[in-house]
Protein backbone atom coordinates (compact mmCIF):
# COMPACT_ATOMS: atom_id res chain seq x y z
CA ASN A 1 96.15 18.64 18.34
CA PHE A 2 93.76 15.68 18.20
CA TRP A 3 92.00 16.97 15.09
CA LYS A 4 95.36 17.62 13.43
CA GLY A 5 96.23 13.93 13.77
CA GLY A 6 94.13 10.89 12.88
CA GLY A 7 91.00 12.64 14.14
CA SER A 8 90.90 14.92 11.10
CA ARG A 9 91.12 11.91 8.79
CA ALA A 10 88.27 10.19 10.61
CA ALA A 11 86.19 13.37 10.36
CA LEU A 12 86.94 13.65 6.65
CA LYS A 13 85.89 10.03 6.16
CA ALA A 14 82.66 10.67 8.06
CA VAL A 15 81.94 13.76 5.95
CA SER A 16 82.68 11.95 2.69
CA LEU A 17 80.51 9.05 3.86
CA GLY A 18 77.65 11.43 4.65
CA LYS A 19 77.99 13.03 1.22
CA SER A 20 77.97 9.65 -0.52
CA LEU A 21 74.92 8.65 1.54
CA SER A 22 73.04 11.81 0.54
CA THR A 23 73.97 11.35 -3.13
CA GLY A 24 73.26 7.60 -3.05
CA ASN A 25 76.78 6.55 -4.07
CA SER A 26 77.09 4.41 -0.94
CA LYS A 27 74.14 2.28 -2.12
CA SER A 28 75.96 1.25 -5.29
CA PHE A 29 79.09 0.64 -3.20
CA PHE A 30 77.26 -1.71 -0.82
CA VAL A 31 75.60 -3.46 -3.75
CA ARG A 32 79.00 -4.08 -5.32
CA GLN A 33 80.32 -5.47 -2.04
CA ARG A 34 77.34 -7.83 -1.74
CA SER A 35 77.61 -8.98 -5.35
CA LYS A 36 81.30 -9.76 -4.81
CA LYS A 37 80.50 -11.85 -1.73
CA SER A 38 77.69 -13.73 -3.49
CA ASN A 39 79.91 -14.40 -6.51
CA LYS A 40 82.54 -16.00 -4.27
CA THR A 41 79.98 -18.43 -2.88
């Protein structure tokens, strides 16, 4: 029952995160986040 609820969503997020990490998409994502923060300042 736990996995059918929010647990499954968390697992899916973790899997998608792992995929993005392996492909390198997360790097561009973090870079965008940093650039946004630096632009504000």
